[in-house]
Each structure stands twice: as structure tokens, then as C-alpha cells.
Amino acid sequence: MATNNQITKVLNSLGQFPECPSCGVRMRFGDQECPRCGDDMYDDLWAWAEALIDDITAQDA
């Protein structure tokens, strides 16, 4: 079960959700490509999620 600290960390990280490196538009949840220019954002989203999980799990260690 998630702790209060983990939930807070996830909620705080939502503001750091990546934007498109090509045109700067903010991504919406569920998008894997930029809604403006069509660039593939999967790798950027993967990196954001991986960093968030690393940060959350580091607090538990």
C-alpha cells in the first residue's frame, strides 16, 4: 500500500510532466505524441516515469 509520502511525491511530480522538446507544448495524460507537432514523446515519458519511481523508492530505502 502506498504511503502518504509516496502519494505526495507523485502528486507533486505531476507539475513536472514533460513538455515537447520540439515545440514546447505541455503534454496531456494519455498522450504519447505531441498533440501540436506530432513528435513521439514515449522516450521522454518513460524517462520521467523512471525518475519518479527511482525518487519514490529511494525514500523507502
Protein backbone atom coordinates (compact mmCIF):
# COMPACT_ATOMS: atom_id res chain seq x y z
CA MET A 1 0.00 0.00 0.00
CA ALA A 2 1.25 3.47 -0.83
CA THR A 3 2.40 5.72 1.98
CA ASN A 4 1.36 9.35 2.40
CA ASN A 5 4.90 10.38 1.46
CA GLN A 6 4.76 8.37 -1.79
CA ILE A 7 1.38 9.81 -2.75
CA THR A 8 2.57 13.33 -2.04
CA LYS A 9 5.64 12.73 -4.19
CA VAL A 10 3.52 11.56 -7.13
CA LEU A 11 1.10 14.48 -6.83
CA ASN A 12 3.97 16.97 -6.65
CA SER A 13 5.62 15.43 -9.71
CA LEU A 14 2.58 15.98 -11.94
CA GLY A 15 3.72 19.57 -12.50
CA GLN A 16 6.99 18.23 -13.87
CA PHE A 17 5.28 16.19 -16.58
CA PRO A 18 7.44 16.63 -19.69
CA GLU A 19 6.71 19.06 -22.47
CA CYS A 20 7.50 18.54 -26.13
CA PRO A 21 11.19 19.30 -26.78
CA SER A 22 10.35 20.38 -30.35
CA CYS A 23 7.56 22.89 -29.82
CA GLY A 24 7.19 23.23 -26.03
CA VAL A 25 3.53 22.27 -25.78
CA ARG A 26 2.59 20.62 -22.48
CA MET A 27 1.62 17.00 -22.74
CA ARG A 28 -1.73 15.67 -21.60
CA PHE A 29 -2.07 12.41 -19.73
CA GLY A 30 -2.51 9.55 -22.12
CA ASP A 31 -0.67 11.25 -24.99
CA GLN A 32 2.41 9.53 -26.32
CA GLU A 33 3.00 12.00 -29.10
CA CYS A 34 2.79 15.77 -29.18
CA PRO A 35 -0.75 16.97 -29.99
CA ARG A 36 0.69 20.00 -31.81
CA CYS A 37 3.65 18.79 -33.87
CA GLY A 38 3.24 15.00 -33.67
CA ASP A 39 6.69 14.24 -32.22
CA ASP A 40 6.94 10.90 -30.44
CA MET A 41 7.20 11.53 -26.68
CA TYR A 42 7.37 7.93 -25.46
CA ASP A 43 11.06 8.05 -24.50
CA ASP A 44 10.61 11.33 -22.61
CA LEU A 45 7.59 9.98 -20.76
CA TRP A 46 9.49 6.78 -19.93
CA ALA A 47 12.40 8.82 -18.51
CA TRP A 48 10.01 10.96 -16.42
CA ALA A 49 8.27 7.87 -15.00
CA GLU A 50 11.55 6.09 -14.32
CA ALA A 51 12.97 9.12 -12.47
CA LEU A 52 9.78 9.41 -10.41
CA ILE A 53 9.88 5.73 -9.43
CA ASP A 54 13.58 5.97 -8.57
CA ASP A 55 12.86 9.00 -6.37
CA ILE A 56 9.97 7.31 -4.60
CA THR A 57 11.85 4.06 -4.00
CA ALA A 58 14.96 5.90 -2.80
CA GLN A 59 12.92 7.38 0.03
CA ASP A 60 11.87 3.92 1.15
CA ALA A 61 15.41 2.53 1.22
